[in-house]
Structures are given as C-alpha cells and as structure tokens.
Amino acid sequence: MQQITRSIYLVDKGEVVTLEIQAIKVGNFASFVVDGKSIDPISSTPLTFQFTVALSQGQAHHGMITCFFPKTAPDDAEFDVFVSGSGGGGKFTGSDILKSDASWTRAIEFRRPH
C-alpha cells in the first residue's frame, strides 16, 4: 500500500486493507462502508475494519467513514483514522474527524494503478 493523500491509497489486488478508528474522549460511534457495503468491525479496541481488494487495474474501491458525537462528548473529542495494508508500506495516518468539524464523514479511496 502507498499513501497518496490522507484519503487516497494505492493498493494491490488481493491486498487486505485494515482501517482503524481510534475514539478519543468519545465512544466507538463510527462505521465504515466500502462500495455501498457496510463492513463489520473485527475489533472494538480500537474499532478495526478489514476488507480485501478485489479490483482490476485502473479501478478503485470507494469508502466512507461516518462518525457521531453525542452532545455530552467534550468539544475536543475526536476520531483518529489509521490505514495499513497486507502488502506493506507501513501504517498511515488518515483524516482525523473532530467534533468541531462541519462534517463527521470522510471519503476514502483505494486505487489499483494501471
């Protein structure tokens, strides 16, 4: 896996992508969808999701992270996003989601290069 931006990654066919959402000062109120399909978490500490890349060259998986902050969550509550792949490249920092953000969703894209 290679990180292009905090929301775009290059992946290989068959690579297992792991997305972690670490809740800070808030509960695990987050979900992850890939290509319209909800992904079930494999762990809750931190909230962790996995899926396998199933694309031809030049195609992309489109994901959406959705978080929620209850009114009782402190103003400095946030969700930190980390992305890694079984093909190596390291653990990358994705787009953080802060309670003060206008939107509590983040698009994320996993591309297979040509």
Protein backbone atom coordinates (compact mmCIF):
# COMPACT_ATOMS: atom_id res chain seq x y z
CA MET A 1 0.00 0.00 0.00
CA GLN A 2 1.09 3.51 -0.76
CA GLN A 3 -0.47 6.70 0.62
CA ILE A 4 -1.08 9.46 -1.95
CA THR A 5 -3.09 11.75 0.36
CA ARG A 6 -4.82 11.19 3.71
CA SER A 7 -7.83 9.93 1.73
CA ILE A 8 -6.28 8.20 -1.34
CA TYR A 9 -4.23 5.00 -1.28
CA LEU A 10 -2.69 2.77 -3.97
CA VAL A 11 -3.31 -0.95 -3.36
CA ASP A 12 -2.66 -4.32 -5.00
CA LYS A 13 -5.24 -6.92 -5.98
CA GLY A 14 -5.81 -9.32 -3.08
CA GLU A 15 -4.29 -6.94 -0.54
CA VAL A 16 -6.06 -6.93 2.83
CA VAL A 17 -6.76 -3.34 3.91
CA THR A 18 -7.04 -2.58 7.62
CA LEU A 19 -8.71 0.63 8.78
CA GLU A 20 -8.56 1.59 12.47
CA ILE A 21 -10.72 4.31 14.01
CA GLN A 22 -9.46 5.34 17.42
CA ALA A 23 -12.08 7.14 19.51
CA ILE A 24 -10.64 9.84 21.78
CA LYS A 25 -12.86 11.18 24.60
CA VAL A 26 -15.91 9.61 22.89
CA GLY A 27 -17.41 6.13 22.42
CA ASN A 28 -16.96 3.94 19.35
CA PHE A 29 -19.66 5.73 17.36
CA ALA A 30 -18.20 5.08 13.90
CA SER A 31 -18.92 2.95 10.85
CA PHE A 32 -17.13 2.09 7.60
CA VAL A 33 -18.72 1.36 4.22
CA VAL A 34 -16.91 0.21 1.05
CA ASP A 35 -18.64 0.42 -2.32
CA GLY A 36 -22.00 0.77 -0.55
CA LYS A 37 -21.47 -2.32 1.66
CA SER A 38 -21.23 -1.92 5.44
CA ILE A 39 -18.08 -3.55 6.83
CA ASP A 40 -18.38 -5.27 10.21
CA PRO A 41 -15.62 -4.47 12.71
CA ILE A 42 -13.14 -7.23 13.61
CA SER A 43 -12.15 -5.48 16.86
CA SER A 44 -13.51 -2.74 19.10
CA THR A 45 -10.25 -1.64 20.76
CA PRO A 46 -9.57 0.27 18.60
CA LEU A 47 -12.51 -0.06 16.24
CA THR A 48 -10.94 -2.02 13.36
CA PHE A 49 -12.29 -2.94 9.92
CA GLN A 50 -10.81 -5.11 7.15
CA PHE A 51 -11.61 -5.85 3.53
CA THR A 52 -9.79 -7.49 0.62
CA VAL A 53 -9.06 -5.55 -2.56
CA ALA A 54 -10.93 -7.14 -5.49
CA LEU A 55 -10.24 -4.80 -8.40
CA SER A 56 -8.83 -4.83 -11.90
CA GLN A 57 -6.09 -2.37 -12.79
CA GLY A 58 -7.32 1.20 -13.01
CA GLN A 59 -10.33 0.64 -10.74
CA ALA A 60 -10.98 1.89 -7.20
CA HIS A 61 -12.85 0.93 -4.06
CA HIS A 62 -14.76 3.91 -2.61
CA GLY A 63 -15.20 4.04 1.14
CA MET A 64 -16.98 6.29 3.62
CA ILE A 65 -16.23 6.69 7.31
CA THR A 66 -19.14 8.04 9.34
CA CYS A 67 -18.81 9.14 12.96
CA PHE A 68 -21.15 10.54 15.58
CA PHE A 69 -20.51 12.73 18.60
CA PRO A 70 -23.20 12.84 21.30
CA LYS A 71 -23.92 16.24 22.84
CA THR A 72 -22.30 15.01 26.06
CA ALA A 73 -18.92 14.42 24.33
CA PRO A 74 -16.35 17.11 25.17
CA ASP A 75 -15.56 19.70 22.50
CA ASP A 76 -12.06 18.24 21.99
CA ALA A 77 -13.35 14.71 21.28
CA GLU A 78 -12.14 13.19 18.01
CA PHE A 79 -11.68 10.07 15.93
CA ASP A 80 -8.19 9.31 14.58
CA VAL A 81 -8.01 7.16 11.45
CA PHE A 82 -5.14 4.80 10.58
CA VAL A 83 -4.80 2.73 7.39
CA SER A 84 -2.48 -0.19 6.56
CA GLY A 85 -2.31 -2.99 4.03
CA SER A 86 -1.03 -6.56 3.99
CA GLY A 87 1.22 -5.62 1.04
CA GLY A 88 3.37 -3.48 3.34
CA GLY A 89 4.19 0.21 3.23
CA GLY A 90 3.53 0.97 6.88
CA LYS A 91 0.69 2.32 8.96
CA PHE A 92 -0.61 5.59 7.55
CA THR A 93 -2.45 8.40 9.31
CA GLY A 94 -5.78 9.12 7.64
CA SER A 95 -8.11 12.10 8.00
CA ASP A 96 -8.99 12.85 11.62
CA ILE A 97 -12.61 13.64 12.45
CA LEU A 98 -13.13 16.29 15.12
CA LYS A 99 -16.33 17.10 17.00
CA SER A 100 -15.93 20.71 15.82
CA ASP A 101 -15.80 19.67 12.11
CA ALA A 102 -18.70 20.73 9.90
CA SER A 103 -18.97 17.14 8.61
CA TRP A 104 -18.47 13.93 10.58
CA THR A 105 -17.88 11.83 7.46
CA ARG A 106 -14.73 11.18 5.43
CA ALA A 107 -14.46 9.70 1.94
CA ILE A 108 -11.54 7.34 1.36
CA GLU A 109 -10.41 5.76 -1.90
CA PHE A 110 -8.30 2.68 -2.58
CA ARG A 111 -6.96 2.63 -6.17
CA ARG A 112 -5.28 -0.05 -8.24
CA PRO A 113 -2.81 1.67 -10.55
CA HIS A 114 -2.79 0.99 -14.32
